[in-house]
Amino acid sequence: MANPTITGSTYAGEFAGKYLGAALLSADTLDQGAITILPNVKYKAAMKVGTMSNLVRSADCDFDATTSGLTLTEKVLTPTELQVNLQICKKELHADWEAAQMGFSAFDELPPLFSDYVIARVAAEVANATETSIWSGSAGEGSFDGFETLLTADATVNDVVAGTVTSTNVIAELGKVVDAIPSAVYGKEDLTLYVSSNIARAYVRALGGFVATIGANGVDNKGTQWYNGGQLSFEGINLFVAKGLADNTAVAAQKSNLFFGTGLLDDRNEVKVIDMADIDGSQNVRVVMRYTAGVQHGIGSDIVLYS
């Protein structure tokens, strides 16, 4: 792999060589425990899904098991093997790292070692890719089937046709999702409404007022100043911003019904940095990371997909 190309910039000052990366998504879904994590999945995890029928019957003196039944089905979570093979020229990054260590940086806490600095940069990118794959990924290069793909393919999932969500219709659209939640699931403690970023933005703006459904003053009469980044909820259901979801997409499910599997939990953070100077005399640094990741849902009929 070739060294990264540093393109020209209109800014020619002290930080002209600084890498300017796009805003990164953290793997919030995993870090905040928004779904169930299954560590130590060596190859596959088979999850038994049971449905009982005719469990309760009128009492008599006999034992008769023929009227009741337990039907078991199986869902399999197979983590996908993924890797990072990156080669960079340490000359460019090292200049940035040294400048940061001397205090010429907006960040207060930086890794003390250059290798840690490189690892942090790579880990942030991997977290971004993992968050996206969890929700909207599809099997292919560098990804795995995410919940959108799996739930769309499951005929038992409760589907709600999505529209283009705005601040004027977001409450009505979220209401459609809540209305489709099965009665047996509604009110469960871990029931969560997972929404895409654009739906969350529309909801925050709607609650700030100035739309017909809320009025001019918004929540607590604070207008657009009401929200300070705290927990959101809709009609008593916790709302989680799943940054990996595609726009105008939402999922209503119990946390205990959505699963993320990986070979070893620490695999998501294992990165090897190889300085090539002593090997081939170059100024290249190779970053290697290998890990497994995948998702699966349990009972499809207990989930709502707004898509």
C-alpha atoms as a PDB file:
ATOM      1  CA  MET A   1       0.000   0.000   0.000  1.00  0.00           C
ATOM      2  CA  ALA A   2       1.379   3.416  -0.951  1.00  0.00           C
ATOM      3  CA  ASN A   3       2.118   6.125   1.568  1.00  0.00           C
ATOM      4  CA  PRO A   4      -0.697   8.654   2.075  1.00  0.00           C
ATOM      5  CA  THR A   5      -0.684  11.636  -0.254  1.00  0.00           C
ATOM      6  CA  ILE A   6      -0.795  15.041   1.445  1.00  0.00           C
ATOM      7  CA  THR A   7      -2.747  17.397  -0.792  1.00  0.00           C
ATOM      8  CA  GLY A   8      -2.178  21.129  -0.965  1.00  0.00           C
ATOM      9  CA  SER A   9      -3.972  23.507   1.342  1.00  0.00           C
ATOM     10  CA  THR A  10      -4.855  27.170   1.195  1.00  0.00           C
ATOM     11  CA  TYR A  11      -3.517  27.472   4.751  1.00  0.00           C
ATOM     12  CA  ALA A  12       0.292  27.625   4.851  1.00  0.00           C
ATOM     13  CA  GLY A  13       0.866  28.346   8.541  1.00  0.00           C
ATOM     14  CA  GLU A  14       2.226  26.220  11.376  1.00  0.00           C
ATOM     15  CA  PHE A  15      -0.421  23.506  11.056  1.00  0.00           C
ATOM     16  CA  ALA A  16      -0.466  23.227   7.263  1.00  0.00           C
ATOM     17  CA  GLY A  17       0.614  19.571   7.507  1.00  0.00           C
ATOM     18  CA  LYS A  18      -2.056  18.582  10.005  1.00  0.00           C
ATOM     19  CA  TYR A  19      -4.401  15.831   8.907  1.00  0.00           C
ATOM     20  CA  LEU A  20      -7.939  17.086   8.709  1.00  0.00           C
ATOM     21  CA  GLY A  21     -10.247  14.123   9.117  1.00  0.00           C
ATOM     22  CA  ALA A  22     -13.995  13.953   8.930  1.00  0.00           C
ATOM     23  CA  ALA A  23     -15.867  13.917  12.214  1.00  0.00           C
ATOM     24  CA  LEU A  24     -15.687  10.391  13.565  1.00  0.00           C
ATOM     25  CA  LEU A  25     -18.505   8.350  14.970  1.00  0.00           C
ATOM     26  CA  SER A  26     -17.633   6.612  18.191  1.00  0.00           C
ATOM     27  CA  ALA A  27     -19.015   3.106  18.585  1.00  0.00           C
ATOM     28  CA  ASP A  28     -21.734   4.475  20.857  1.00  0.00           C
ATOM     29  CA  THR A  29     -23.978   1.452  20.464  1.00  0.00           C
ATOM     30  CA  LEU A  30     -21.389  -0.760  22.149  1.00  0.00           C
ATOM     31  CA  ASP A  31     -19.812   1.767  24.499  1.00  0.00           C
ATOM     32  CA  GLN A  32     -23.185   2.697  25.988  1.00  0.00           C
ATOM     33  CA  GLY A  33     -24.478  -0.870  26.196  1.00  0.00           C
ATOM     34  CA  ALA A  34     -27.386  -0.107  23.879  1.00  0.00           C
ATOM     35  CA  ILE A  35     -27.524  -3.734  22.712  1.00  0.00           C
ATOM     36  CA  THR A  36     -26.450  -7.052  24.214  1.00  0.00           C
ATOM     37  CA  ILE A  37     -22.756  -7.896  23.733  1.00  0.00           C
ATOM     38  CA  LEU A  38     -21.728 -11.536  23.364  1.00  0.00           C
ATOM     39  CA  PRO A  39     -17.950 -11.832  23.874  1.00  0.00           C
ATOM     40  CA  ASN A  40     -15.837 -14.911  23.235  1.00  0.00           C
ATOM     41  CA  VAL A  41     -17.790 -16.107  20.199  1.00  0.00           C
ATOM     42  CA  LYS A  42     -15.093 -18.313  18.684  1.00  0.00           C
ATOM     43  CA  TYR A  43     -16.957 -19.304  15.522  1.00  0.00           C
ATOM     44  CA  LYS A  44     -20.731 -19.150  15.860  1.00  0.00           C
ATOM     45  CA  ALA A  45     -23.272 -18.437  18.582  1.00  0.00           C
ATOM     46  CA  ALA A  46     -26.540 -20.338  18.304  1.00  0.00           C
ATOM     47  CA  MET A  47     -29.390 -18.603  20.103  1.00  0.00           C
ATOM     48  CA  LYS A  48     -32.470 -20.659  20.918  1.00  0.00           C
ATOM     49  CA  VAL A  49     -35.755 -18.818  20.439  1.00  0.00           C
ATOM     50  CA  GLY A  50     -38.671 -20.552  22.184  1.00  0.00           C
ATOM     51  CA  THR A  51     -42.415 -20.081  21.732  1.00  0.00           C
ATOM     52  CA  MET A  52     -44.844 -21.728  24.153  1.00  0.00           C
ATOM     53  CA  SER A  53     -48.424 -22.585  23.231  1.00  0.00           C
ATOM     54  CA  ASN A  54     -51.468 -23.570  25.323  1.00  0.00           C
ATOM     55  CA  LEU A  55     -49.439 -23.259  28.488  1.00  0.00           C
ATOM     56  CA  VAL A  56     -52.385 -22.651  30.832  1.00  0.00           C
ATOM     57  CA  ARG A  57     -55.441 -24.950  30.841  1.00  0.00           C
ATOM     58  CA  SER A  58     -58.305 -25.767  33.122  1.00  0.00           C
ATOM     59  CA  ALA A  59     -57.345 -27.755  36.217  1.00  0.00           C
ATOM     60  CA  ASP A  60     -58.159 -31.453  36.669  1.00  0.00           C
ATOM     61  CA  CYS A  61     -56.586 -34.450  38.444  1.00  0.00           C
ATOM     62  CA  ASP A  62     -54.404 -35.578  35.555  1.00  0.00           C
ATOM     63  CA  PHE A  63     -51.054 -34.574  34.081  1.00  0.00           C
ATOM     64  CA  ASP A  64     -51.417 -34.079  30.358  1.00  0.00           C
ATOM     65  CA  ALA A  65     -48.468 -32.555  28.503  1.00  0.00           C
ATOM     66  CA  THR A  66     -50.022 -33.087  25.068  1.00  0.00           C
ATOM     67  CA  THR A  67     -52.055 -29.883  25.179  1.00  0.00           C
ATOM     68  CA  SER A  68     -49.043 -27.624  25.793  1.00  0.00           C
ATOM     69  CA  GLY A  69     -46.026 -27.226  23.594  1.00  0.00           C
ATOM     70  CA  LEU A  70     -42.660 -25.521  23.242  1.00  0.00           C
ATOM     71  CA  THR A  71     -41.423 -24.698  19.768  1.00  0.00           C
ATOM     72  CA  LEU A  72     -37.712 -23.932  19.505  1.00  0.00           C
ATOM     73  CA  THR A  73     -36.134 -22.142  16.585  1.00  0.00           C
ATOM     74  CA  GLU A  74     -32.512 -21.140  16.199  1.00  0.00           C
ATOM     75  CA  LYS A  75     -30.832 -17.883  15.298  1.00  0.00           C
ATOM     76  CA  VAL A  76     -27.124 -18.012  14.512  1.00  0.00           C
ATOM     77  CA  LEU A  77     -24.684 -15.150  15.043  1.00  0.00           C
ATOM     78  CA  THR A  78     -21.561 -15.645  12.940  1.00  0.00           C
ATOM     79  CA  PRO A  79     -18.958 -12.915  13.461  1.00  0.00           C
ATOM     80  CA  THR A  80     -17.155 -11.781  10.320  1.00  0.00           C
ATOM     81  CA  GLU A  81     -13.366 -11.761  10.254  1.00  0.00           C
ATOM     82  CA  LEU A  82     -12.068  -8.244   9.640  1.00  0.00           C
ATOM     83  CA  GLN A  83      -8.652  -6.647   9.536  1.00  0.00           C
ATOM     84  CA  VAL A  84      -6.757  -3.393   9.212  1.00  0.00           C
ATOM     85  CA  ASN A  85      -3.564  -3.300   7.112  1.00  0.00           C
ATOM     86  CA  LEU A  86      -2.322   0.272   7.009  1.00  0.00           C
ATOM     87  CA  GLN A  87       1.037   1.721   6.025  1.00  0.00           C
ATOM     88  CA  ILE A  88       1.808   5.360   6.737  1.00  0.00           C
ATOM     89  CA  CYS A  89       4.883   7.530   6.636  1.00  0.00           C
ATOM     90  CA  LYS A  90       5.735   8.379  10.232  1.00  0.00           C
ATOM     91  CA  LYS A  91       7.514  11.574   9.162  1.00  0.00           C
ATOM     92  CA  GLU A  92       4.232  13.409   8.611  1.00  0.00           C
ATOM     93  CA  LEU A  93       2.378  12.128  11.669  1.00  0.00           C
ATOM     94  CA  HIS A  94       5.443  12.434  13.898  1.00  0.00           C
ATOM     95  CA  ALA A  95       5.647  16.180  13.247  1.00  0.00           C
ATOM     96  CA  ASP A  96       2.038  16.573  14.370  1.00  0.00           C
ATOM     97  CA  TRP A  97       2.580  14.423  17.443  1.00  0.00           C
ATOM     98  CA  GLU A  98       5.692  16.331  18.556  1.00  0.00           C
ATOM     99  CA  ALA A  99       3.942  19.674  18.105  1.00  0.00           C
ATOM    100  CA  ALA A 100       1.040  18.419  20.207  1.00  0.00           C
ATOM    101  CA  GLN A 101       3.376  17.210  22.959  1.00  0.00           C
ATOM    102  CA  MET A 102       4.925  20.679  23.161  1.00  0.00           C
ATOM    103  CA  GLY A 103       1.508  22.143  23.904  1.00  0.00           C
ATOM    104  CA  PHE A 104       0.587  23.472  20.482  1.00  0.00           C
ATOM    105  CA  SER A 105      -2.716  21.655  20.393  1.00  0.00           C
ATOM    106  CA  ALA A 106      -6.328  22.221  21.297  1.00  0.00           C
ATOM    107  CA  PHE A 107      -6.414  18.821  23.025  1.00  0.00           C
ATOM    108  CA  ASP A 108      -5.499  18.603  26.715  1.00  0.00           C
ATOM    109  CA  GLU A 109      -4.785  14.873  26.882  1.00  0.00           C
ATOM    110  CA  LEU A 110      -2.698  13.137  24.248  1.00  0.00           C
ATOM    111  CA  PRO A 111      -1.017   9.725  24.205  1.00  0.00           C
ATOM    112  CA  PRO A 112       2.532  10.008  25.593  1.00  0.00           C
ATOM    113  CA  LEU A 113       3.979   7.635  22.983  1.00  0.00           C
ATOM    114  CA  PHE A 114       3.918   8.076  19.218  1.00  0.00           C
ATOM    115  CA  SER A 115       2.763   4.481  18.782  1.00  0.00           C
ATOM    116  CA  ASP A 116      -0.198   5.169  21.094  1.00  0.00           C
ATOM    117  CA  TYR A 117      -1.019   8.244  19.025  1.00  0.00           C
ATOM    118  CA  VAL A 118      -1.164   6.157  15.844  1.00  0.00           C
ATOM    119  CA  ILE A 119      -3.239   3.478  17.574  1.00  0.00           C
ATOM    120  CA  ALA A 120      -5.748   6.065  18.783  1.00  0.00           C
ATOM    121  CA  ARG A 121      -6.199   7.374  15.247  1.00  0.00           C
ATOM    122  CA  VAL A 122      -6.748   3.903  13.809  1.00  0.00           C
ATOM    123  CA  ALA A 123      -9.025   2.800  16.654  1.00  0.00           C
ATOM    124  CA  ALA A 124     -11.253   5.809  16.064  1.00  0.00           C
ATOM    125  CA  GLU A 125     -11.669   4.841  12.418  1.00  0.00           C
ATOM    126  CA  VAL A 126     -12.423   1.237  13.329  1.00  0.00           C
ATOM    127  CA  ALA A 127     -15.048   2.405  15.833  1.00  0.00           C
ATOM    128  CA  ASN A 128     -16.640   4.446  13.073  1.00  0.00           C
ATOM    129  CA  ALA A 129     -16.738   1.474  10.706  1.00  0.00           C
ATOM    130  CA  THR A 130     -18.101  -0.837  13.409  1.00  0.00           C
ATOM    131  CA  GLU A 131     -20.909   1.539  14.378  1.00  0.00           C
ATOM    132  CA  THR A 132     -21.981   1.852  10.745  1.00  0.00           C
ATOM    133  CA  SER A 133     -21.845  -1.900  10.135  1.00  0.00           C
ATOM    134  CA  ILE A 134     -23.874  -2.708  13.255  1.00  0.00           C
ATOM    135  CA  TRP A 135     -26.874  -0.840  11.901  1.00  0.00           C
ATOM    136  CA  SER A 136     -26.656  -0.378   8.120  1.00  0.00           C
ATOM    137  CA  GLY A 137     -23.897  -2.763   7.081  1.00  0.00           C
ATOM    138  CA  SER A 138     -24.224  -5.406   4.399  1.00  0.00           C
ATOM    139  CA  ALA A 139     -21.965  -8.388   3.856  1.00  0.00           C
ATOM    140  CA  GLY A 140     -19.085  -7.318   1.662  1.00  0.00           C
ATOM    141  CA  GLU A 141     -15.632  -5.831   1.811  1.00  0.00           C
ATOM    142  CA  GLY A 142     -14.864  -4.595   5.320  1.00  0.00           C
ATOM    143  CA  SER A 143     -18.416  -4.977   6.650  1.00  0.00           C
ATOM    144  CA  PHE A 144     -21.030  -7.426   7.903  1.00  0.00           C
ATOM    145  CA  ASP A 145     -24.815  -7.654   7.729  1.00  0.00           C
ATOM    146  CA  GLY A 146     -26.248  -5.034  10.074  1.00  0.00           C
ATOM    147  CA  PHE A 147     -29.636  -4.876  11.737  1.00  0.00           C
ATOM    148  CA  GLU A 148     -31.280  -3.046   8.831  1.00  0.00           C
ATOM    149  CA  THR A 149     -30.317  -5.865   6.462  1.00  0.00           C
ATOM    150  CA  LEU A 150     -31.258  -8.662   8.864  1.00  0.00           C
ATOM    151  CA  LEU A 151     -34.574  -7.144   9.959  1.00  0.00           C
ATOM    152  CA  THR A 152     -35.596  -6.366   6.374  1.00  0.00           C
ATOM    153  CA  ALA A 153     -35.049 -10.019   5.454  1.00  0.00           C
ATOM    154  CA  ASP A 154     -37.080 -11.294   8.447  1.00  0.00           C
ATOM    155  CA  ALA A 155     -40.743 -11.604   7.474  1.00  0.00           C
ATOM    156  CA  THR A 156     -41.834 -11.760  11.130  1.00  0.00           C
ATOM    157  CA  VAL A 157     -40.597  -8.233  11.889  1.00  0.00           C
ATOM    158  CA  ASN A 158     -43.276  -5.541  12.172  1.00  0.00           C
ATOM    159  CA  ASP A 159     -42.588  -3.212   9.247  1.00  0.00           C
ATOM    160  CA  VAL A 160     -43.612   0.449   9.129  1.00  0.00           C
ATOM    161  CA  VAL A 161     -43.160   2.349   5.885  1.00  0.00           C
ATOM    162  CA  ALA A 162     -40.982   5.388   6.461  1.00  0.00           C
ATOM    163  CA  GLY A 163     -41.298   8.853   5.035  1.00  0.00           C
ATOM    164  CA  THR A 164     -38.958  11.825   4.965  1.00  0.00           C
ATOM    165  CA  VAL A 165     -38.824  12.935   8.588  1.00  0.00           C
ATOM    166  CA  THR A 166     -38.866  16.653   9.405  1.00  0.00           C
ATOM    167  CA  SER A 167     -39.454  18.689  12.546  1.00  0.00           C
ATOM    168  CA  THR A 168     -43.084  19.132  11.554  1.00  0.00           C
ATOM    169  CA  ASN A 169     -43.919  15.427  11.166  1.00  0.00           C
ATOM    170  CA  VAL A 170     -41.389  13.676  13.421  1.00  0.00           C
ATOM    171  CA  ILE A 171     -43.815  13.221  16.323  1.00  0.00           C
ATOM    172  CA  ALA A 172     -46.431  11.668  14.055  1.00  0.00           C
ATOM    173  CA  GLU A 173     -43.829   9.388  12.431  1.00  0.00           C
ATOM    174  CA  LEU A 174     -42.418   8.212  15.757  1.00  0.00           C
ATOM    175  CA  GLY A 175     -46.002   7.621  16.851  1.00  0.00           C
ATOM    176  CA  LYS A 176     -46.393   5.140  13.978  1.00  0.00           C
ATOM    177  CA  VAL A 177     -43.430   3.188  15.311  1.00  0.00           C
ATOM    178  CA  VAL A 178     -44.814   3.106  18.852  1.00  0.00           C
ATOM    179  CA  ASP A 179     -48.253   2.066  17.590  1.00  0.00           C
ATOM    180  CA  ALA A 180     -46.659  -0.940  15.862  1.00  0.00           C
ATOM    181  CA  ILE A 181     -44.891  -2.206  19.006  1.00  0.00           C
ATOM    182  CA  PRO A 182     -46.504  -5.498  20.110  1.00  0.00           C
ATOM    183  CA  SER A 183     -48.528  -5.231  23.326  1.00  0.00           C
ATOM    184  CA  ALA A 184     -46.405  -7.916  24.982  1.00  0.00           C
ATOM    185  CA  VAL A 185     -43.264  -5.807  24.436  1.00  0.00           C
ATOM    186  CA  TYR A 186     -44.659  -2.355  25.166  1.00  0.00           C
ATOM    187  CA  GLY A 187     -43.713  -1.257  28.662  1.00  0.00           C
ATOM    188  CA  LYS A 188     -40.712  -3.580  28.991  1.00  0.00           C
ATOM    189  CA  GLU A 189     -37.895  -1.961  30.942  1.00  0.00           C
ATOM    190  CA  ASP A 190     -35.268  -2.357  28.225  1.00  0.00           C
ATOM    191  CA  LEU A 191     -37.512  -1.348  25.323  1.00  0.00           C
ATOM    192  CA  THR A 192     -35.620   1.230  23.274  1.00  0.00           C
ATOM    193  CA  LEU A 193     -36.415   3.371  20.265  1.00  0.00           C
ATOM    194  CA  TYR A 194     -33.293   3.459  18.083  1.00  0.00           C
ATOM    195  CA  VAL A 195     -33.392   6.350  15.611  1.00  0.00           C
ATOM    196  CA  SER A 196     -31.111   7.765  12.936  1.00  0.00           C
ATOM    197  CA  SER A 197     -29.327  11.065  13.465  1.00  0.00           C
ATOM    198  CA  ASN A 198     -31.656  13.044  11.218  1.00  0.00           C
ATOM    199  CA  ILE A 199     -34.726  11.810  13.142  1.00  0.00           C
ATOM    200  CA  ALA A 200     -33.092  12.774  16.449  1.00  0.00           C
ATOM    201  CA  ARG A 201     -32.270  16.257  15.118  1.00  0.00           C
ATOM    202  CA  ALA A 202     -35.833  16.721  13.906  1.00  0.00           C
ATOM    203  CA  TYR A 203     -37.214  15.582  17.264  1.00  0.00           C
ATOM    204  CA  VAL A 204     -34.976  17.946  19.254  1.00  0.00           C
ATOM    205  CA  ARG A 205     -35.988  20.828  16.997  1.00  0.00           C
ATOM    206  CA  ALA A 206     -39.669  19.956  17.274  1.00  0.00           C
ATOM    207  CA  LEU A 207     -39.513  19.944  21.067  1.00  0.00           C
ATOM    208  CA  GLY A 208     -37.849  23.343  20.916  1.00  0.00           C
ATOM    209  CA  GLY A 209     -41.069  24.807  19.626  1.00  0.00           C
ATOM    210  CA  PHE A 210     -41.866  26.932  16.602  1.00  0.00           C
ATOM    211  CA  VAL A 211     -43.721  24.076  14.900  1.00  0.00           C
ATOM    212  CA  ALA A 212     -47.455  23.583  14.798  1.00  0.00           C
ATOM    213  CA  THR A 213     -47.492  20.424  16.914  1.00  0.00           C
ATOM    214  CA  ILE A 214     -45.604  21.912  19.869  1.00  0.00           C
ATOM    215  CA  GLY A 215     -46.217  25.637  19.951  1.00  0.00           C
ATOM    216  CA  ALA A 216     -43.857  28.569  20.102  1.00  0.00           C
ATOM    217  CA  ASN A 217     -42.278  28.067  23.529  1.00  0.00           C
ATOM    218  CA  GLY A 218     -41.193  24.447  23.418  1.00  0.00           C
ATOM    219  CA  VAL A 219     -40.150  22.297  26.383  1.00  0.00           C
ATOM    220  CA  ASP A 220     -40.207  24.215  29.700  1.00  0.00           C
ATOM    221  CA  ASN A 221     -40.778  27.397  27.700  1.00  0.00           C
ATOM    222  CA  LYS A 222     -37.080  27.395  26.768  1.00  0.00           C
ATOM    223  CA  GLY A 223     -37.497  27.390  23.017  1.00  0.00           C
ATOM    224  CA  THR A 224     -34.547  26.018  21.078  1.00  0.00           C
ATOM    225  CA  GLN A 225     -32.337  26.313  24.181  1.00  0.00           C
ATOM    226  CA  TRP A 226     -34.108  23.438  25.959  1.00  0.00           C
ATOM    227  CA  TYR A 227     -31.779  20.594  24.939  1.00  0.00           C
ATOM    228  CA  ASN A 228     -28.311  20.176  26.450  1.00  0.00           C
ATOM    229  CA  GLY A 229     -27.399  16.746  25.110  1.00  0.00           C
ATOM    230  CA  GLY A 230     -29.074  14.576  27.749  1.00  0.00           C
ATOM    231  CA  GLN A 231     -31.232  11.473  27.467  1.00  0.00           C
ATOM    232  CA  LEU A 232     -34.153  11.671  25.066  1.00  0.00           C
ATOM    233  CA  SER A 233     -37.408   9.750  25.347  1.00  0.00           C
ATOM    234  CA  PHE A 234     -40.618   9.492  23.375  1.00  0.00           C
ATOM    235  CA  GLU A 235     -43.898   8.686  25.122  1.00  0.00           C
ATOM    236  CA  GLY A 236     -42.024   7.064  27.983  1.00  0.00           C
ATOM    237  CA  ILE A 237     -39.693   4.993  25.766  1.00  0.00           C
ATOM    238  CA  ASN A 238     -35.958   5.703  25.890  1.00  0.00           C
ATOM    239  CA  LEU A 239     -34.669   7.043  22.593  1.00  0.00           C
ATOM    240  CA  PHE A 240     -31.152   6.116  21.463  1.00  0.00           C
ATOM    241  CA  VAL A 241     -29.415   7.887  18.587  1.00  0.00           C
ATOM    242  CA  ALA A 242     -27.934   5.070  16.504  1.00  0.00           C
ATOM    243  CA  LYS A 243     -25.473   6.982  14.363  1.00  0.00           C
ATOM    244  CA  GLY A 244     -24.973   4.025  12.063  1.00  0.00           C
ATOM    245  CA  LEU A 245     -28.625   3.970  10.959  1.00  0.00           C
ATOM    246  CA  ALA A 246     -29.445   5.338   7.539  1.00  0.00           C
ATOM    247  CA  ASP A 247     -31.499   8.533   7.432  1.00  0.00           C
ATOM    248  CA  ASN A 248     -35.233   8.171   8.073  1.00  0.00           C
ATOM    249  CA  THR A 249     -34.772   4.781   9.737  1.00  0.00           C
ATOM    250  CA  ALA A 250     -35.765   3.625  13.215  1.00  0.00           C
ATOM    251  CA  VAL A 251     -35.953   0.374  15.161  1.00  0.00           C
ATOM    252  CA  ALA A 252     -38.029  -0.357  18.259  1.00  0.00           C
ATOM    253  CA  ALA A 253     -36.718  -3.338  20.183  1.00  0.00           C
ATOM    254  CA  GLN A 254     -35.591  -4.576  23.561  1.00  0.00           C
ATOM    255  CA  LYS A 255     -31.862  -4.341  24.200  1.00  0.00           C
ATOM    256  CA  SER A 256     -31.995  -7.999  25.199  1.00  0.00           C
ATOM    257  CA  ASN A 257     -33.270  -8.885  21.714  1.00  0.00           C
ATOM    258  CA  LEU A 258     -30.383  -7.339  19.757  1.00  0.00           C
ATOM    259  CA  PHE A 259     -26.930  -8.930  19.907  1.00  0.00           C
ATOM    260  CA  PHE A 260     -23.362  -8.029  18.957  1.00  0.00           C
ATOM    261  CA  GLY A 261     -20.814 -10.838  18.887  1.00  0.00           C
ATOM    262  CA  THR A 262     -17.035 -10.768  18.736  1.00  0.00           C
ATOM    263  CA  GLY A 263     -14.304 -13.346  19.195  1.00  0.00           C
ATOM    264  CA  LEU A 264     -12.834 -11.641  22.225  1.00  0.00           C
ATOM    265  CA  LEU A 265     -14.065  -8.357  23.616  1.00  0.00           C
ATOM    266  CA  ASP A 266     -10.505  -7.003  23.658  1.00  0.00           C
ATOM    267  CA  ASP A 267     -10.069  -7.790  19.979  1.00  0.00           C
ATOM    268  CA  ARG A 268     -11.734  -4.512  19.119  1.00  0.00           C
ATOM    269  CA  ASN A 269      -8.810  -2.671  20.697  1.00  0.00           C
ATOM    270  CA  GLU A 270      -5.828  -4.832  19.672  1.00  0.00           C
ATOM    271  CA  VAL A 271      -3.591  -2.997  17.222  1.00  0.00           C
ATOM    272  CA  LYS A 272       0.019  -3.814  16.329  1.00  0.00           C
ATOM    273  CA  VAL A 273       2.303  -0.988  15.242  1.00  0.00           C
ATOM    274  CA  ILE A 274       5.409  -2.088  13.324  1.00  0.00           C
ATOM    275  CA  ASP A 275       8.194   0.431  12.754  1.00  0.00           C
ATOM    276  CA  MET A 276       9.790  -0.571   9.429  1.00  0.00           C
ATOM    277  CA  ALA A 277      12.993   1.448   9.991  1.00  0.00           C
ATOM    278  CA  ASP A 278      14.945  -1.527  11.351  1.00  0.00           C
ATOM    279  CA  ILE A 279      13.504  -3.878   8.731  1.00  0.00           C
ATOM    280  CA  ASP A 280      13.868  -2.076   5.401  1.00  0.00           C
ATOM    281  CA  GLY A 281      15.349   1.305   6.382  1.00  0.00           C
ATOM    282  CA  SER A 282      12.189   3.218   5.461  1.00  0.00           C
ATOM    283  CA  GLN A 283      10.246   5.729   7.528  1.00  0.00           C
ATOM    284  CA  ASN A 284       7.075   3.728   7.176  1.00  0.00           C
ATOM    285  CA  VAL A 285       4.925   2.465  10.013  1.00  0.00           C
ATOM    286  CA  ARG A 286       2.594  -0.469   9.503  1.00  0.00           C
ATOM    287  CA  VAL A 287      -0.551  -0.823  11.567  1.00  0.00           C
ATOM    288  CA  VAL A 288      -2.141  -4.260  11.786  1.00  0.00           C
ATOM    289  CA  MET A 289      -5.438  -5.118  13.441  1.00  0.00           C
ATOM    290  CA  ARG A 290      -7.437  -8.325  13.237  1.00  0.00           C
ATOM    291  CA  TYR A 291     -10.812  -8.887  14.875  1.00  0.00           C
ATOM    292  CA  THR A 292     -14.249 -10.400  14.376  1.00  0.00           C
ATOM    293  CA  ALA A 293     -17.641  -8.735  14.643  1.00  0.00           C
ATOM    294  CA  GLY A 294     -21.256  -9.431  13.781  1.00  0.00           C
ATOM    295  CA  VAL A 295     -24.849  -8.851  14.901  1.00  0.00           C
ATOM    296  CA  GLN A 296     -28.061 -10.841  15.123  1.00  0.00           C
ATOM    297  CA  HIS A 297     -31.561 -10.367  16.510  1.00  0.00           C
ATOM    298  CA  GLY A 298     -33.627 -12.831  18.478  1.00  0.00           C
ATOM    299  CA  ILE A 299     -37.424 -12.728  18.116  1.00  0.00           C
ATOM    300  CA  GLY A 300     -38.326 -10.800  14.974  1.00  0.00           C
ATOM    301  CA  SER A 301     -42.016 -10.480  15.849  1.00  0.00           C
ATOM    302  CA  ASP A 302     -41.075  -8.403  18.906  1.00  0.00           C
ATOM    303  CA  ILE A 303     -39.254  -5.785  16.772  1.00  0.00           C
ATOM    304  CA  VAL A 304     -40.492  -2.840  14.736  1.00  0.00           C
ATOM    305  CA  LEU A 305     -38.541  -1.612  11.692  1.00  0.00           C
ATOM    306  CA  TYR A 306     -39.318   1.863  10.355  1.00  0.00           C
ATOM    307  CA  SER A 307     -37.662   1.944   6.958  1.00  0.00           C
END
